[in-house]
PDB file of N, CA and C in Angstrom:
ATOM      1  N   UNK A   1      -8.952  11.602   3.971  1.00  0.00           N
ATOM      2  CA  UNK A   1      -8.683  10.706   5.078  1.00  0.00           C
ATOM      3  C   UNK A   1      -9.867   9.783   5.346  1.00  0.00           C
ATOM      4  N   UNK A   2     -11.074  10.317   5.168  1.00  0.00           N
ATOM      5  CA  UNK A   2     -12.281   9.528   5.411  1.00  0.00           C
ATOM      6  C   UNK A   2     -12.346   8.323   4.470  1.00  0.00           C
ATOM      7  N   UNK A   3     -12.025   8.544   3.181  1.00  0.00           N
ATOM      8  CA  UNK A   3     -12.042   7.442   2.216  1.00  0.00           C
ATOM      9  C   UNK A   3     -10.984   6.397   2.555  1.00  0.00           C
ATOM     10  N   UNK A   4      -9.825   6.868   3.012  1.00  0.00           N
ATOM     11  CA  UNK A   4      -8.760   5.930   3.375  1.00  0.00           C
ATOM     12  C   UNK A   4      -9.194   5.079   4.565  1.00  0.00           C
ATOM     13  N   UNK A   5      -9.814   5.691   5.565  1.00  0.00           N
ATOM     14  CA  UNK A   5     -10.306   4.941   6.728  1.00  0.00           C
ATOM     15  C   UNK A   5     -11.355   3.917   6.320  1.00  0.00           C
ATOM     16  N   UNK A   6     -12.257   4.329   5.449  1.00  0.00           N
ATOM     17  CA  UNK A   6     -13.305   3.421   4.964  1.00  0.00           C
ATOM     18  C   UNK A   6     -12.671   2.254   4.207  1.00  0.00           C
ATOM     19  N   UNK A   7     -11.708   2.582   3.357  1.00  0.00           N
ATOM     20  CA  UNK A   7     -11.007   1.557   2.588  1.00  0.00           C
ATOM     21  C   UNK A   7     -10.312   0.564   3.524  1.00  0.00           C
ATOM     22  N   UNK A   8      -9.599   1.085   4.532  1.00  0.00           N
ATOM     23  CA  UNK A   8      -8.871   0.209   5.455  1.00  0.00           C
ATOM     24  C   UNK A   8      -9.804  -0.666   6.279  1.00  0.00           C
ATOM     25  N   UNK A   9     -10.949  -0.126   6.688  1.00  0.00           N
ATOM     26  CA  UNK A   9     -11.926  -0.942   7.426  1.00  0.00           C
ATOM     27  C   UNK A   9     -12.427  -2.088   6.551  1.00  0.00           C
ATOM     28  N   UNK A  10     -12.764  -1.771   5.316  1.00  0.00           N
ATOM     29  CA  UNK A  10     -13.254  -2.798   4.391  1.00  0.00           C
ATOM     30  C   UNK A  10     -12.153  -3.812   4.087  1.00  0.00           C
ATOM     31  N   UNK A  11     -10.957  -3.317   3.878  1.00  0.00           N
ATOM     32  CA  UNK A  11      -9.820  -4.195   3.609  1.00  0.00           C
ATOM     33  C   UNK A  11      -9.606  -5.162   4.774  1.00  0.00           C
ATOM     34  N   UNK A  12      -9.604  -4.645   6.003  1.00  0.00           N
ATOM     35  CA  UNK A  12      -9.408  -5.484   7.189  1.00  0.00           C
ATOM     36  C   UNK A  12     -10.547  -6.481   7.377  1.00  0.00           C
ATOM     37  N   UNK A  13     -11.767  -6.071   7.056  1.00  0.00           N
ATOM     38  CA  UNK A  13     -12.915  -6.980   7.145  1.00  0.00           C
ATOM     39  C   UNK A  13     -12.718  -8.156   6.189  1.00  0.00           C
ATOM     40  N   UNK A  14     -12.297  -7.840   4.985  1.00  0.00           N
ATOM     41  CA  UNK A  14     -12.089  -8.900   3.996  1.00  0.00           C
ATOM     42  C   UNK A  14     -10.889  -9.774   4.357  1.00  0.00           C
ATOM     43  N   UNK A  15      -9.858  -9.153   4.890  1.00  0.00           N
ATOM     44  CA  UNK A  15      -8.686  -9.919   5.303  1.00  0.00           C
ATOM     45  C   UNK A  15      -9.045 -10.908   6.409  1.00  0.00           C
ATOM     46  N   UNK A  16      -9.914 -10.519   7.314  1.00  0.00           N
ATOM     47  CA  UNK A  16     -10.362 -11.438   8.365  1.00  0.00           C
ATOM     48  C   UNK A  16     -11.096 -12.633   7.769  1.00  0.00           C
ATOM     49  N   UNK A  17     -11.882 -12.404   6.722  1.00  0.00           N
ATOM     50  CA  UNK A  17     -12.561 -13.520   6.048  1.00  0.00           C
ATOM     51  C   UNK A  17     -11.533 -14.482   5.452  1.00  0.00           C
ATOM     52  N   UNK A  18     -10.492 -13.916   4.858  1.00  0.00           N
ATOM     53  CA  UNK A  18      -9.433 -14.743   4.276  1.00  0.00           C
ATOM     54  C   UNK A  18      -8.757 -15.561   5.365  1.00  0.00           C
ATOM     55  N   UNK A  19      -8.475 -14.917   6.505  1.00  0.00           N
ATOM     56  CA  UNK A  19      -7.808 -15.601   7.617  1.00  0.00           C
ATOM     57  C   UNK A  19      -8.650 -16.738   8.186  1.00  0.00           C
ATOM     58  N   UNK A  20      -9.962 -16.677   8.013  1.00  0.00           N
ATOM     59  CA  UNK A  20     -10.832 -17.760   8.467  1.00  0.00           C
ATOM     60  C   UNK A  20     -10.686 -19.011   7.613  1.00  0.00           C
ATOM     61  N   UNK A  21     -10.158 -18.851   6.411  1.00  0.00           N
ATOM     62  CA  UNK A  21     -10.034 -19.975   5.482  1.00  0.00           C
ATOM     63  C   UNK A  21      -8.577 -20.401   5.298  1.00  0.00           C
ATOM     64  N   UNK A  22      -7.679 -19.425   5.208  1.00  0.00           N
ATOM     65  CA  UNK A  22      -6.269 -19.702   4.929  1.00  0.00           C
ATOM     66  C   UNK A  22      -5.398 -19.345   6.129  1.00  0.00           C
ATOM     67  N   UNK A  23      -4.319 -20.090   6.309  1.00  0.00           N
ATOM     68  CA  UNK A  23      -3.323 -19.743   7.315  1.00  0.00           C
ATOM     69  C   UNK A  23      -2.386 -18.721   6.671  1.00  0.00           C
ATOM     70  N   UNK A  24      -2.718 -17.462   6.818  1.00  0.00           N
ATOM     71  CA  UNK A  24      -1.995 -16.383   6.148  1.00  0.00           C
ATOM     72  C   UNK A  24      -0.527 -16.357   6.568  1.00  0.00           C
ATOM     73  N   UNK A  25      -0.249 -16.630   7.836  1.00  0.00           N
ATOM     74  CA  UNK A  25       1.140 -16.651   8.304  1.00  0.00           C
ATOM     75  C   UNK A  25       1.987 -17.647   7.541  1.00  0.00           C
ATOM     76  N   UNK A  26       1.445 -18.845   7.339  1.00  0.00           N
ATOM     77  CA  UNK A  26       2.176 -19.862   6.569  1.00  0.00           C
ATOM     78  C   UNK A  26       2.385 -19.422   5.128  1.00  0.00           C
ATOM     79  N   UNK A  27       1.365 -18.825   4.545  1.00  0.00           N
ATOM     80  CA  UNK A  27       1.465 -18.381   3.154  1.00  0.00           C
ATOM     81  C   UNK A  27       2.529 -17.297   3.022  1.00  0.00           C
ATOM     82  N   UNK A  28       2.524 -16.329   3.940  1.00  0.00           N
ATOM     83  CA  UNK A  28       3.497 -15.239   3.879  1.00  0.00           C
ATOM     84  C   UNK A  28       4.925 -15.715   4.114  1.00  0.00           C
ATOM     85  N   UNK A  29       5.080 -16.825   4.819  1.00  0.00           N
ATOM     86  CA  UNK A  29       6.425 -17.326   5.111  1.00  0.00           C
ATOM     87  C   UNK A  29       6.986 -18.206   3.991  1.00  0.00           C
ATOM     88  N   UNK A  30       6.182 -18.518   2.985  1.00  0.00           N
ATOM     89  CA  UNK A  30       6.671 -19.331   1.870  1.00  0.00           C
ATOM     90  C   UNK A  30       7.790 -18.605   1.141  1.00  0.00           C
ATOM     91  N   UNK A  31       8.808 -19.359   0.768  1.00  0.00           N
ATOM     92  CA  UNK A  31       9.889 -18.808  -0.041  1.00  0.00           C
ATOM     93  C   UNK A  31       9.579 -19.148  -1.498  1.00  0.00           C
ATOM     94  N   UNK A  32       9.070 -18.168  -2.212  1.00  0.00           N
ATOM     95  CA  UNK A  32       8.692 -18.388  -3.609  1.00  0.00           C
ATOM     96  C   UNK A  32       9.895 -18.075  -4.490  1.00  0.00           C
ATOM     97  N   UNK A  33      10.449 -19.105  -5.098  1.00  0.00           N
ATOM     98  CA  UNK A  33      11.574 -18.915  -6.003  1.00  0.00           C
ATOM     99  C   UNK A  33      11.234 -19.566  -7.347  1.00  0.00           C
ATOM    100  N   UNK A  34      12.164 -19.525  -8.268  1.00  0.00           N
ATOM    101  CA  UNK A  34      11.921 -20.061  -9.607  1.00  0.00           C
ATOM    102  C   UNK A  34      11.567 -21.545  -9.555  1.00  0.00           C
ATOM    103  N   UNK A  35      12.231 -22.300  -8.699  1.00  0.00           N
ATOM    104  CA  UNK A  35      11.952 -23.732  -8.574  1.00  0.00           C
ATOM    105  C   UNK A  35      10.519 -23.977  -8.102  1.00  0.00           C
ATOM    106  N   UNK A  36      10.068 -23.204  -7.116  1.00  0.00           N
ATOM    107  CA  UNK A  36       8.701 -23.318  -6.589  1.00  0.00           C
ATOM    108  C   UNK A  36       7.682 -23.037  -7.702  1.00  0.00           C
ATOM    109  N   UNK A  37       7.921 -21.975  -8.459  1.00  0.00           N
ATOM    110  CA  UNK A  37       7.010 -21.597  -9.550  1.00  0.00           C
ATOM    111  C   UNK A  37       6.989 -22.676 -10.625  1.00  0.00           C
ATOM    112  N   UNK A  38       8.158 -23.191 -10.991  1.00  0.00           N
ATOM    113  CA  UNK A  38       8.224 -24.261 -11.995  1.00  0.00           C
ATOM    114  C   UNK A  38       7.434 -25.488 -11.558  1.00  0.00           C
ATOM    115  N   UNK A  39       7.579 -25.878 -10.287  1.00  0.00           N
ATOM    116  CA  UNK A  39       6.843 -27.037  -9.768  1.00  0.00           C
ATOM    117  C   UNK A  39       5.334 -26.797  -9.815  1.00  0.00           C
ATOM    118  N   UNK A  40       4.918 -25.584  -9.444  1.00  0.00           N
ATOM    119  CA  UNK A  40       3.490 -25.255  -9.464  1.00  0.00           C
ATOM    120  C   UNK A  40       2.910 -25.473 -10.865  1.00  0.00           C
ATOM    121  N   UNK A  41       3.574 -24.918 -11.877  1.00  0.00           N
ATOM    122  CA  UNK A  41       3.036 -25.041 -13.232  1.00  0.00           C
ATOM    123  C   UNK A  41       3.181 -26.453 -13.778  1.00  0.00           C
ATOM    124  N   UNK A  42       4.190 -27.179 -13.359  1.00  0.00           N
ATOM    125  CA  UNK A  42       4.331 -28.569 -13.777  1.00  0.00           C
ATOM    126  C   UNK A  42       3.181 -29.395 -13.213  1.00  0.00           C
ATOM    127  N   UNK A  43       2.841 -29.180 -11.941  1.00  0.00           N
ATOM    128  CA  UNK A  43       1.750 -29.906 -11.290  1.00  0.00           C
ATOM    129  C   UNK A  43       0.407 -29.576 -11.942  1.00  0.00           C
ATOM    130  N   UNK A  44       0.206 -28.325 -12.311  1.00  0.00           N
ATOM    131  CA  UNK A  44      -1.088 -27.874 -12.833  1.00  0.00           C
ATOM    132  C   UNK A  44      -1.177 -27.844 -14.356  1.00  0.00           C
ATOM    133  N   UNK A  45      -0.158 -28.314 -15.023  1.00  0.00           N
ATOM    134  CA  UNK A  45      -0.097 -28.263 -16.489  1.00  0.00           C
ATOM    135  C   UNK A  45      -1.307 -28.936 -17.148  1.00  0.00           C
ATOM    136  N   UNK A  46      -1.668 -30.113 -16.689  1.00  0.00           N
ATOM    137  CA  UNK A  46      -2.789 -30.847 -17.293  1.00  0.00           C
ATOM    138  C   UNK A  46      -4.100 -30.090 -17.102  1.00  0.00           C
ATOM    139  N   UNK A  47      -4.318 -29.573 -15.904  1.00  0.00           N
ATOM    140  CA  UNK A  47      -5.557 -28.818 -15.651  1.00  0.00           C
ATOM    141  C   UNK A  47      -5.646 -27.598 -16.556  1.00  0.00           C
ATOM    142  N   UNK A  48      -4.547 -26.863 -16.697  1.00  0.00           N
ATOM    143  CA  UNK A  48      -4.563 -25.695 -17.581  1.00  0.00           C
ATOM    144  C   UNK A  48      -4.854 -26.124 -19.021  1.00  0.00           C
ATOM    145  N   UNK A  49      -4.239 -27.222 -19.447  1.00  0.00           N
ATOM    146  CA  UNK A  49      -4.447 -27.690 -20.811  1.00  0.00           C
ATOM    147  C   UNK A  49      -5.898 -28.110 -21.040  1.00  0.00           C
ATOM    148  N   UNK A  50      -6.491 -28.823 -20.087  1.00  0.00           N
ATOM    149  CA  UNK A  50      -7.867 -29.291 -20.237  1.00  0.00           C
ATOM    150  C   UNK A  50      -8.869 -28.148 -20.320  1.00  0.00           C
ATOM    151  N   UNK A  51      -8.619 -27.093 -19.577  1.00  0.00           N
ATOM    152  CA  UNK A  51      -9.568 -25.983 -19.542  1.00  0.00           C
ATOM    153  C   UNK A  51      -9.306 -24.922 -20.600  1.00  0.00           C
ATOM    154  N   UNK A  52      -8.193 -25.018 -21.286  1.00  0.00           N
ATOM    155  CA  UNK A  52      -7.882 -24.013 -22.293  1.00  0.00           C
ATOM    156  C   UNK A  52      -6.935 -24.591 -23.327  1.00  0.00           C
ATOM    157  N   UNK A  53      -7.366 -24.605 -24.571  1.00  0.00           N
ATOM    158  CA  UNK A  53      -6.550 -25.203 -25.617  1.00  0.00           C
ATOM    159  C   UNK A  53      -5.279 -24.406 -25.904  1.00  0.00           C
ATOM    160  N   UNK A  54      -5.267 -23.118 -25.598  1.00  0.00           N
ATOM    161  CA  UNK A  54      -4.071 -22.309 -25.836  1.00  0.00           C
ATOM    162  C   UNK A  54      -3.388 -21.934 -24.524  1.00  0.00           C
ATOM    163  N   UNK A  55      -3.705 -22.624 -23.467  1.00  0.00           N
ATOM    164  CA  UNK A  55      -3.112 -22.446 -22.150  1.00  0.00           C
ATOM    165  C   UNK A  55      -3.520 -21.168 -21.431  1.00  0.00           C
ATOM    166  N   UNK A  56      -4.449 -20.401 -21.977  1.00  0.00           N
ATOM    167  CA  UNK A  56      -4.933 -19.261 -21.203  1.00  0.00           C
ATOM    168  C   UNK A  56      -6.264 -18.763 -21.728  1.00  0.00           C
ATOM    169  N   UNK A  57      -7.025 -18.226 -20.821  1.00  0.00           N
ATOM    170  CA  UNK A  57      -8.279 -17.550 -21.133  1.00  0.00           C
ATOM    171  C   UNK A  57      -8.223 -16.256 -20.333  1.00  0.00           C
ATOM    172  N   UNK A  58      -8.398 -15.149 -20.981  1.00  0.00           N
ATOM    173  CA  UNK A  58      -8.304 -13.881 -20.259  1.00  0.00           C
ATOM    174  C   UNK A  58      -9.365 -12.929 -20.782  1.00  0.00           C
ATOM    175  N   UNK A  59     -10.110 -12.360 -19.868  1.00  0.00           N
ATOM    176  CA  UNK A  59     -11.142 -11.390 -20.222  1.00  0.00           C
ATOM    177  C   UNK A  59     -10.670 -10.005 -19.816  1.00  0.00           C
ATOM    178  N   UNK A  60     -10.878  -9.048 -20.665  1.00  0.00           N
ATOM    179  CA  UNK A  60     -10.509  -7.679 -20.345  1.00  0.00           C
ATOM    180  C   UNK A  60     -11.679  -6.919 -19.739  1.00  0.00           C
ATOM    181  N   UNK A  61     -11.390  -5.731 -19.254  1.00  0.00           N
ATOM    182  CA  UNK A  61     -12.419  -4.831 -18.741  1.00  0.00           C
ATOM    183  C   UNK A  61     -12.457  -3.635 -19.670  1.00  0.00           C
ATOM    184  N   UNK A  62     -13.579  -3.472 -20.331  1.00  0.00           N
ATOM    185  CA  UNK A  62     -13.737  -2.363 -21.269  1.00  0.00           C
ATOM    186  C   UNK A  62     -14.430  -1.201 -20.577  1.00  0.00           C
ATOM    187  N   UNK A  63     -13.803  -0.038 -20.608  1.00  0.00           N
ATOM    188  CA  UNK A  63     -14.378   1.149 -19.972  1.00  0.00           C
ATOM    189  C   UNK A  63     -15.386   1.859 -20.872  1.00  0.00           C
ATOM    190  N   UNK A  64     -15.323   1.588 -22.172  1.00  0.00           N
ATOM    191  CA  UNK A  64     -16.235   2.287 -23.084  1.00  0.00           C
ATOM    192  C   UNK A  64     -17.136   1.347 -23.878  1.00  0.00           C
ATOM    193  N   UNK A  65     -17.109   0.049 -23.554  1.00  0.00           N
ATOM    194  CA  UNK A  65     -17.974  -0.901 -24.234  1.00  0.00           C
ATOM    195  C   UNK A  65     -17.459  -1.370 -25.581  1.00  0.00           C
ATOM    196  N   UNK A  66     -16.271  -0.906 -25.974  1.00  0.00           N
ATOM    197  CA  UNK A  66     -15.672  -1.310 -27.243  1.00  0.00           C
ATOM    198  C   UNK A  66     -14.343  -1.997 -26.934  1.00  0.00           C
ATOM    199  N   UNK A  67     -14.188  -3.224 -27.398  1.00  0.00           N
ATOM    200  CA  UNK A  67     -12.984  -3.992 -27.085  1.00  0.00           C
ATOM    201  C   UNK A  67     -11.733  -3.357 -27.674  1.00  0.00           C
ATOM    202  N   UNK A  68     -10.672  -3.386 -26.881  1.00  0.00           N
ATOM    203  CA  UNK A  68      -9.334  -3.046 -27.374  1.00  0.00           C
ATOM    204  C   UNK A  68      -8.339  -3.910 -26.610  1.00  0.00           C
ATOM    205  N   UNK A  69      -7.156  -4.115 -27.169  1.00  0.00           N
ATOM    206  CA  UNK A  69      -6.140  -4.927 -26.496  1.00  0.00           C
ATOM    207  C   UNK A  69      -5.777  -4.339 -25.138  1.00  0.00           C
ATOM    208  N   UNK A  70      -5.888  -3.041 -25.004  1.00  0.00           N
ATOM    209  CA  UNK A  70      -5.589  -2.356 -23.741  1.00  0.00           C
ATOM    210  C   UNK A  70      -6.505  -2.845 -22.610  1.00  0.00           C
ATOM    211  N   UNK A  71      -7.722  -3.300 -22.958  1.00  0.00           N
ATOM    212  CA  UNK A  71      -8.670  -3.809 -21.953  1.00  0.00           C
ATOM    213  C   UNK A  71      -8.079  -4.977 -21.160  1.00  0.00           C
ATOM    214  N   UNK A  72      -7.196  -5.755 -21.787  1.00  0.00           N
ATOM    215  CA  UNK A  72      -6.601  -6.911 -21.129  1.00  0.00           C
ATOM    216  C   UNK A  72      -5.682  -6.506 -19.975  1.00  0.00           C
ATOM    217  N   UNK A  73      -5.252  -5.256 -19.965  1.00  0.00           N
ATOM    218  CA  UNK A  73      -4.365  -4.771 -18.906  1.00  0.00           C
ATOM    219  C   UNK A  73      -5.115  -4.123 -17.748  1.00  0.00           C
ATOM    220  N   UNK A  74      -6.408  -3.909 -17.909  1.00  0.00           N
ATOM    221  CA  UNK A  74      -7.170  -3.145 -16.917  1.00  0.00           C
ATOM    222  C   UNK A  74      -7.155  -3.787 -15.530  1.00  0.00           C
ATOM    223  N   UNK A  75      -7.324  -5.100 -15.458  1.00  0.00           N
ATOM    224  CA  UNK A  75      -7.304  -5.770 -14.152  1.00  0.00           C
ATOM    225  C   UNK A  75      -5.953  -5.589 -13.467  1.00  0.00           C
ATOM    226  N   UNK A  76      -4.888  -5.736 -14.228  1.00  0.00           N
ATOM    227  CA  UNK A  76      -3.547  -5.556 -13.658  1.00  0.00           C
ATOM    228  C   UNK A  76      -3.347  -4.121 -13.183  1.00  0.00           C
ATOM    229  N   UNK A  77      -3.882  -3.167 -13.924  1.00  0.00           N
ATOM    230  CA  UNK A  77      -3.763  -1.757 -13.522  1.00  0.00           C
ATOM    231  C   UNK A  77      -4.505  -1.489 -12.215  1.00  0.00           C
ATOM    232  N   UNK A  78      -5.670  -2.099 -12.050  1.00  0.00           N
ATOM    233  CA  UNK A  78      -6.444  -1.927 -10.813  1.00  0.00           C
ATOM    234  C   UNK A  78      -5.668  -2.503  -9.630  1.00  0.00           C
ATOM    235  N   UNK A  79      -5.151  -3.719  -9.796  1.00  0.00           N
ATOM    236  CA  UNK A  79      -4.375  -4.349  -8.728  1.00  0.00           C
ATOM    237  C   UNK A  79      -3.134  -3.509  -8.421  1.00  0.00           C
ATOM    238  N   UNK A  80      -2.473  -3.045  -9.472  1.00  0.00           N
ATOM    239  CA  UNK A  80      -1.281  -2.210  -9.288  1.00  0.00           C
ATOM    240  C   UNK A  80      -1.595  -0.956  -8.477  1.00  0.00           C
ATOM    241  N   UNK A  81      -2.743  -0.345  -8.730  1.00  0.00           N
ATOM    242  CA  UNK A  81      -3.098   0.875  -8.003  1.00  0.00           C
ATOM    243  C   UNK A  81      -3.267   0.595  -6.507  1.00  0.00           C
ATOM    244  N   UNK A  82      -3.856  -0.554  -6.154  1.00  0.00           N
ATOM    245  CA  UNK A  82      -3.997  -0.919  -4.741  1.00  0.00           C
ATOM    246  C   UNK A  82      -2.636  -1.209  -4.104  1.00  0.00           C
ATOM    247  N   UNK A  83      -1.787  -1.906  -4.837  1.00  0.00           N
ATOM    248  CA  UNK A  83      -0.456  -2.223  -4.312  1.00  0.00           C
ATOM    249  C   UNK A  83       0.317  -0.941  -4.023  1.00  0.00           C
ATOM    250  N   UNK A  84       0.256   0.002  -4.966  1.00  0.00           N
ATOM    251  CA  UNK A  84       0.953   1.278  -4.769  1.00  0.00           C
ATOM    252  C   UNK A  84       0.339   2.078  -3.627  1.00  0.00           C
ATOM    253  N   UNK A  85      -0.982   2.109  -3.565  1.00  0.00           N
ATOM    254  CA  UNK A  85      -1.670   2.872  -2.524  1.00  0.00           C
ATOM    255  C   UNK A  85      -1.303   2.355  -1.136  1.00  0.00           C
ATOM    256  N   UNK A  86      -1.211   1.037  -1.012  1.00  0.00           N
ATOM    257  CA  UNK A  86      -0.891   0.419   0.277  1.00  0.00           C
ATOM    258  C   UNK A  86       0.613   0.302   0.532  1.00  0.00           C
ATOM    259  N   UNK A  87       1.401   0.614  -0.506  1.00  0.00           N
ATOM    260  CA  UNK A  87       2.859   0.447  -0.429  1.00  0.00           C
ATOM    261  C   UNK A  87       3.204  -0.981  -0.014  1.00  0.00           C
ATOM    262  N   UNK A  88       2.471  -1.925  -0.596  1.00  0.00           N
ATOM    263  CA  UNK A  88       2.611  -3.340  -0.245  1.00  0.00           C
ATOM    264  C   UNK A  88       3.951  -3.893  -0.705  1.00  0.00           C
ATOM    265  N   UNK A  89       4.523  -4.732   0.118  1.00  0.00           N
ATOM    266  CA  UNK A  89       5.773  -5.418  -0.219  1.00  0.00           C
ATOM    267  C   UNK A  89       5.505  -6.867  -0.629  1.00  0.00           C
ATOM    268  N   UNK A  90       4.397  -7.431  -0.103  1.00  0.00           N
ATOM    269  CA  UNK A  90       3.997  -8.795  -0.447  1.00  0.00           C
ATOM    270  C   UNK A  90       2.527  -8.772  -0.826  1.00  0.00           C
ATOM    271  N   UNK A  91       2.169  -9.588  -1.806  1.00  0.00           N
ATOM    272  CA  UNK A  91       0.789  -9.652  -2.275  1.00  0.00           C
ATOM    273  C   UNK A  91       0.361 -11.113  -2.312  1.00  0.00           C
ATOM    274  N   UNK A  92      -0.773 -11.410  -1.701  1.00  0.00           N
ATOM    275  CA  UNK A  92      -1.333 -12.755  -1.722  1.00  0.00           C
ATOM    276  C   UNK A  92      -2.344 -12.827  -2.854  1.00  0.00           C
ATOM    277  N   UNK A  93      -2.038 -13.625  -3.854  1.00  0.00           N
ATOM    278  CA  UNK A  93      -2.945 -13.804  -4.980  1.00  0.00           C
ATOM    279  C   UNK A  93      -3.854 -14.977  -4.649  1.00  0.00           C
ATOM    280  N   UNK A  94      -5.122 -14.693  -4.385  1.00  0.00           N
ATOM    281  CA  UNK A  94      -6.054 -15.742  -3.974  1.00  0.00           C
ATOM    282  C   UNK A  94      -6.550 -16.558  -5.147  1.00  0.00           C
ATOM    283  N   UNK A  95      -6.803 -15.897  -6.252  1.00  0.00           N
ATOM    284  CA  UNK A  95      -7.312 -16.624  -7.405  1.00  0.00           C
ATOM    285  C   UNK A  95      -7.204 -15.760  -8.637  1.00  0.00           C
ATOM    286  N   UNK A  96      -6.734 -16.363  -9.697  1.00  0.00           N
ATOM    287  CA  UNK A  96      -6.695 -15.641 -10.962  1.00  0.00           C
ATOM    288  C   UNK A  96      -7.787 -16.142 -11.889  1.00  0.00           C
ATOM    289  N   UNK A  97      -8.611 -17.048 -11.384  1.00  0.00           N
ATOM    290  CA  UNK A  97      -9.616 -17.621 -12.274  1.00  0.00           C
ATOM    291  C   UNK A  97      -8.913 -18.447 -13.323  1.00  0.00           C
ATOM    292  N   UNK A  98      -9.298 -18.260 -14.544  1.00  0.00           N
ATOM    293  CA  UNK A  98      -8.658 -18.992 -15.638  1.00  0.00           C
ATOM    294  C   UNK A  98      -7.724 -18.036 -16.369  1.00  0.00           C
ATOM    295  N   UNK A  99      -6.703 -17.586 -15.685  1.00  0.00           N
ATOM    296  CA  UNK A  99      -5.781 -16.600 -16.240  1.00  0.00           C
ATOM    297  C   UNK A  99      -4.675 -17.239 -17.048  1.00  0.00           C
ATOM    298  N   UNK A 100      -3.903 -16.414 -17.701  1.00  0.00           N
ATOM    299  CA  UNK A 100      -2.786 -16.879 -18.506  1.00  0.00           C
ATOM    300  C   UNK A 100      -1.670 -17.439 -17.640  1.00  0.00           C
ATOM    301  N   UNK A 101      -0.899 -18.352 -18.204  1.00  0.00           N
ATOM    302  CA  UNK A 101       0.245 -18.900 -17.485  1.00  0.00           C
ATOM    303  C   UNK A 101       1.498 -18.601 -18.291  1.00  0.00           C
ATOM    304  N   UNK A 102       2.592 -18.309 -17.608  1.00  0.00           N
ATOM    305  CA  UNK A 102       3.832 -18.039 -18.341  1.00  0.00           C
ATOM    306  C   UNK A 102       4.452 -19.336 -18.844  1.00  0.00           C
ATOM    307  N   UNK A 103       5.150 -19.253 -19.933  1.00  0.00           N
ATOM    308  CA  UNK A 103       5.881 -20.408 -20.446  1.00  0.00           C
ATOM    309  C   UNK A 103       7.276 -20.366 -19.859  1.00  0.00           C
ATOM    310  N   UNK A 104       7.710 -21.467 -19.257  1.00  0.00           N
ATOM    311  CA  UNK A 104       9.049 -21.505 -18.650  1.00  0.00           C
ATOM    312  C   UNK A 104       9.884 -22.576 -19.301  1.00  0.00           C
TER     313      UNK A 104
END
């Protein structure tokens, strides 16, 4: 219970920082559908192309210092563990850095 309380305090502290920059209510009320996603990638297509010749750059996290394809999934696994722990229904993705983009 102590770790959960510590986690929630830290989570709330960070969420307050986010709220100082973003209108979280507006973001949560967005209706994200296929059309919205298509428009996003259409608008950002040139930027993705300029920064990456193959449309994505992705770094993995290696737990043993030796690269494997499984390393590319580590970040997603970490995020997934937090989502499950919090039983989250909505997730605000603040930044993926220079992550991969889906082809639509």
